[in-house]
Amino acid sequence: MNERLLPLSGPLLPPELHGACLLVADLVGSTRLARLLPLHQYVALMTELIQLLILHFEAHGAQILQHQGDAVVCMWTPEDSDRAVRAALDSHARAANLSLAALLGQHLRLRVGLAVGDVISGPVGGTVSAYGLPVNLARRLCSAAVPGETLACPALPRYAPAARLGEREVSSLAGFEDLGMVYRVLDPIFQGVRANSVSGMKAG
């Protein structure tokens, strides 16, 4: 039983911190779908979407931490933040092209949040979990994103310098009220020479 729990920190041996790039991807309008579709169709759709996203992020090198209903949480090393950015933007198309959704007459859209920083991770109840401000910030950014958008924390350009980013104003991020500006991941994600501005947004 003990090996399934994160070790409690002693006064002289705190748990080891490590850098990570956290991603949270969440389905837009899941409650509407739950009310609209028969339950068996809704469950089948959610199951296929979550499986698709897990396989997609794993193919980009992510460690899957958990999924909560219609949301997936996963993690990369900071050095692999560029892979996380690619996976984030590509996930929108993967969800939009889900065949079962089209069969049911639905168009799925995601919100995605990315944050980089120090976390503590380990097994909890048989599942790997991570704790730290990047986890919370990725969730907040995901919630603040509009449908089809990926928002990233201010630290991301340092770890994914080739990513094409645009500044994005945010407000009232619970627990992160000091963040007035974050980044929106632009498409195409990477470019050789960055444009000075895209659709009125400064290049990051």
Protein backbone atom coordinates (compact mmCIF):
# COMPACT_ATOMS: atom_id res chain seq x y z
CA MET A 1 0.00 0.00 0.00
CA ASN A 2 2.76 2.45 0.96
CA GLU A 3 4.41 2.35 -2.47
CA ARG A 4 1.16 3.69 -3.98
CA LEU A 5 1.42 6.97 -2.08
CA LEU A 6 3.66 9.99 -2.48
CA PRO A 7 6.36 9.93 0.24
CA LEU A 8 5.69 12.31 3.09
CA SER A 9 8.43 14.91 3.38
CA GLY A 10 10.54 14.93 6.50
CA PRO A 11 11.94 18.16 7.95
CA LEU A 12 15.35 17.50 6.40
CA LEU A 13 14.27 15.54 3.30
CA PRO A 14 11.65 17.45 1.30
CA PRO A 15 10.30 15.76 -1.86
CA GLU A 16 12.40 16.35 -4.96
CA LEU A 17 11.20 19.07 -7.32
CA HIS A 18 11.63 18.69 -11.05
CA GLY A 19 10.80 20.87 -14.01
CA ALA A 20 7.83 19.98 -16.17
CA CYS A 21 5.64 21.27 -18.96
CA LEU A 22 1.99 20.62 -18.06
CA LEU A 23 -0.87 20.44 -20.54
CA VAL A 24 -4.59 20.41 -19.79
CA ALA A 25 -7.01 19.76 -22.66
CA ASP A 26 -10.74 20.10 -22.04
CA LEU A 27 -13.78 19.55 -24.24
CA VAL A 28 -15.97 22.59 -24.84
CA GLY A 29 -19.68 22.15 -24.20
CA SER A 30 -19.62 18.70 -22.62
CA THR A 31 -22.66 19.46 -20.44
CA ARG A 32 -24.63 20.49 -23.53
CA LEU A 33 -23.68 17.21 -25.20
CA ALA A 34 -24.67 15.24 -22.10
CA ARG A 35 -28.12 16.85 -22.20
CA LEU A 36 -28.47 16.53 -25.96
CA LEU A 37 -27.36 12.94 -26.60
CA PRO A 38 -28.73 9.68 -25.24
CA LEU A 39 -26.49 8.54 -22.39
CA HIS A 40 -25.03 5.55 -24.25
CA GLN A 41 -24.06 7.79 -27.19
CA TYR A 42 -22.55 10.41 -24.88
CA VAL A 43 -20.47 7.79 -23.04
CA ALA A 44 -19.29 6.25 -26.32
CA LEU A 45 -18.32 9.70 -27.64
CA MET A 46 -16.42 10.66 -24.46
CA THR A 47 -14.65 7.31 -24.36
CA GLU A 48 -13.50 7.62 -27.96
CA LEU A 49 -12.38 11.23 -27.49
CA ILE A 50 -10.40 10.55 -24.32
CA GLN A 51 -8.73 7.48 -25.85
CA LEU A 52 -7.86 9.48 -28.97
CA LEU A 53 -6.34 12.33 -26.95
CA ILE A 54 -4.35 10.01 -24.69
CA LEU A 55 -2.87 8.17 -27.68
CA HIS A 56 -2.21 11.48 -29.44
CA PHE A 57 -0.33 13.02 -26.50
CA GLU A 58 1.59 9.81 -25.79
CA ALA A 59 2.69 9.73 -29.45
CA HIS A 60 4.18 13.20 -28.83
CA GLY A 61 6.13 11.90 -25.83
CA ALA A 62 3.80 12.94 -23.00
CA GLN A 63 3.29 11.18 -19.70
CA ILE A 64 -0.44 10.99 -19.06
CA LEU A 65 -1.29 12.01 -15.51
CA GLN A 66 -5.04 11.67 -15.36
CA HIS A 67 -8.26 12.39 -17.11
CA GLN A 68 -11.29 13.90 -15.42
CA GLY A 69 -14.45 13.26 -17.40
CA ASP A 70 -13.83 15.27 -20.54
CA ALA A 71 -10.35 16.62 -19.64
CA VAL A 72 -6.86 15.14 -20.08
CA VAL A 73 -3.80 16.20 -18.06
CA CYS A 74 -0.31 15.27 -19.22
CA MET A 75 3.33 16.24 -18.72
CA TRP A 76 6.63 16.61 -20.59
CA THR A 77 10.09 17.64 -19.45
CA PRO A 78 10.78 21.37 -19.97
CA GLU A 79 13.27 20.41 -22.70
CA ASP A 80 10.39 18.83 -24.63
CA SER A 81 8.14 21.88 -24.41
CA ASP A 82 8.26 22.27 -28.18
CA ARG A 83 6.71 18.80 -28.49
CA ALA A 84 4.03 19.82 -26.03
CA VAL A 85 3.24 22.90 -28.13
CA ARG A 86 2.95 20.81 -31.28
CA ALA A 87 0.77 18.26 -29.51
CA ALA A 88 -1.46 21.00 -28.10
CA LEU A 89 -2.21 22.62 -31.43
CA ASP A 90 -2.60 19.34 -33.29
CA SER A 91 -5.07 18.09 -30.67
CA HIS A 92 -7.68 20.59 -31.85
CA ALA A 93 -7.75 19.05 -35.31
CA ARG A 94 -7.80 15.53 -33.90
CA ALA A 95 -10.89 16.31 -31.83
CA ALA A 96 -12.60 18.18 -34.67
CA ASN A 97 -12.13 15.21 -37.01
CA LEU A 98 -13.41 12.53 -34.65
CA SER A 99 -15.50 10.24 -36.84
CA LEU A 100 -18.03 9.26 -34.18
CA ALA A 101 -18.79 12.92 -33.48
CA ALA A 102 -19.50 13.50 -37.17
CA LEU A 103 -21.73 10.42 -37.23
CA LEU A 104 -23.71 11.88 -34.32
CA GLY A 105 -23.91 15.27 -36.02
CA GLN A 106 -21.59 16.98 -33.52
CA HIS A 107 -18.46 19.14 -33.96
CA LEU A 108 -16.06 18.86 -31.04
CA ARG A 109 -13.80 21.70 -29.95
CA LEU A 110 -11.13 21.83 -27.24
CA ARG A 111 -9.60 24.39 -24.94
CA VAL A 112 -5.93 23.81 -24.03
CA GLY A 113 -3.63 25.30 -21.40
CA LEU A 114 0.19 24.96 -21.14
CA ALA A 115 2.42 25.91 -18.20
CA VAL A 116 6.08 25.28 -17.34
CA GLY A 117 7.65 25.16 -13.88
CA ASP A 118 8.64 22.99 -10.93
CA VAL A 119 6.40 20.18 -9.70
CA ILE A 120 6.47 17.15 -7.42
CA SER A 121 5.17 14.00 -9.07
CA GLY A 122 4.66 10.41 -8.06
CA PRO A 123 2.08 7.62 -7.73
CA VAL A 124 -1.14 8.30 -5.86
CA GLY A 125 -3.62 5.44 -5.70
CA GLY A 126 -1.87 3.66 -8.55
CA THR A 127 -1.96 6.69 -10.87
CA VAL A 128 0.87 9.16 -11.48
CA SER A 129 -0.06 12.65 -10.31
CA ALA A 130 1.75 15.98 -10.23
CA TYR A 131 1.45 18.86 -7.78
CA GLY A 132 2.67 22.42 -8.15
CA LEU A 133 1.72 25.81 -9.51
CA PRO A 134 2.19 24.78 -13.19
CA VAL A 135 -0.61 22.23 -12.77
CA ASN A 136 -2.97 24.87 -11.41
CA LEU A 137 -1.91 27.46 -13.99
CA ALA A 138 -2.39 25.06 -16.91
CA ARG A 139 -5.93 24.41 -15.66
CA ARG A 140 -6.66 28.13 -15.32
CA LEU A 141 -5.29 28.85 -18.81
CA CYS A 142 -7.37 26.02 -20.24
CA SER A 143 -10.49 27.49 -18.65
CA ALA A 144 -9.66 30.98 -19.94
CA ALA A 145 -9.10 29.84 -23.53
CA VAL A 146 -11.84 30.32 -26.09
CA PRO A 147 -12.99 27.26 -28.08
CA GLY A 148 -10.19 26.10 -30.37
CA GLU A 149 -7.52 28.11 -28.54
CA THR A 150 -4.29 27.11 -26.74
CA LEU A 151 -3.04 29.48 -24.05
CA ALA A 152 0.50 29.25 -22.62
CA CYS A 153 2.21 30.71 -19.58
CA PRO A 154 4.72 33.62 -19.81
CA ALA A 155 7.65 31.21 -19.24
CA LEU A 156 6.96 29.07 -22.32
CA PRO A 157 9.02 31.08 -24.89
CA ARG A 158 12.18 30.32 -22.90
CA TYR A 159 11.64 26.58 -23.38
CA ALA A 160 10.04 26.56 -26.84
CA PRO A 161 11.80 29.47 -28.57
CA ALA A 162 10.73 28.42 -32.08
CA ALA A 163 7.04 28.43 -31.22
CA ARG A 164 4.97 31.11 -32.85
CA LEU A 165 3.13 32.93 -30.09
CA GLY A 166 0.92 35.97 -29.80
CA GLU A 167 0.38 38.03 -26.66
CA ARG A 168 -3.04 37.60 -25.09
CA GLU A 169 -4.55 39.64 -22.27
CA VAL A 170 -6.23 37.69 -19.49
CA SER A 171 -8.00 38.73 -16.33
CA SER A 172 -9.28 37.13 -13.15
CA LEU A 173 -7.28 33.90 -13.33
CA ALA A 174 -8.05 32.59 -9.83
CA GLY A 175 -4.81 32.44 -7.88
CA PHE A 176 -2.86 34.09 -10.72
CA GLU A 177 -4.41 37.57 -10.74
CA ASP A 178 -0.95 39.09 -11.29
CA LEU A 179 -0.80 37.60 -14.79
CA GLY A 180 -2.16 40.26 -17.09
CA MET A 181 -0.57 38.83 -20.22
CA VAL A 182 -0.04 35.28 -21.43
CA TYR A 183 0.56 33.73 -24.85
CA ARG A 184 -1.71 32.27 -27.46
CA VAL A 185 -0.19 29.52 -29.64
CA LEU A 186 -0.57 30.51 -33.28
CA ASP A 187 -0.91 28.31 -36.36
CA PRO A 188 1.46 27.39 -37.97
CA ILE A 189 3.24 26.63 -34.71
CA PHE A 190 6.84 26.99 -35.82
CA GLN A 191 8.46 29.25 -38.38
CA GLY A 192 11.96 30.19 -39.47
CA VAL A 193 11.45 33.95 -39.18
CA ARG A 194 8.73 35.34 -36.97
CA ALA A 195 6.32 37.96 -38.22
CA ASN A 196 6.22 41.18 -36.23
CA SER A 197 2.50 40.83 -35.68
CA VAL A 198 -0.36 38.49 -36.50
CA SER A 199 -3.96 39.66 -36.50
CA GLY A 200 -3.14 42.56 -34.23
CA MET A 201 -1.18 40.45 -31.74
CA LYS A 202 2.49 40.95 -31.04
CA ALA A 203 4.77 38.04 -31.88
CA GLY A 204 6.27 36.39 -28.80
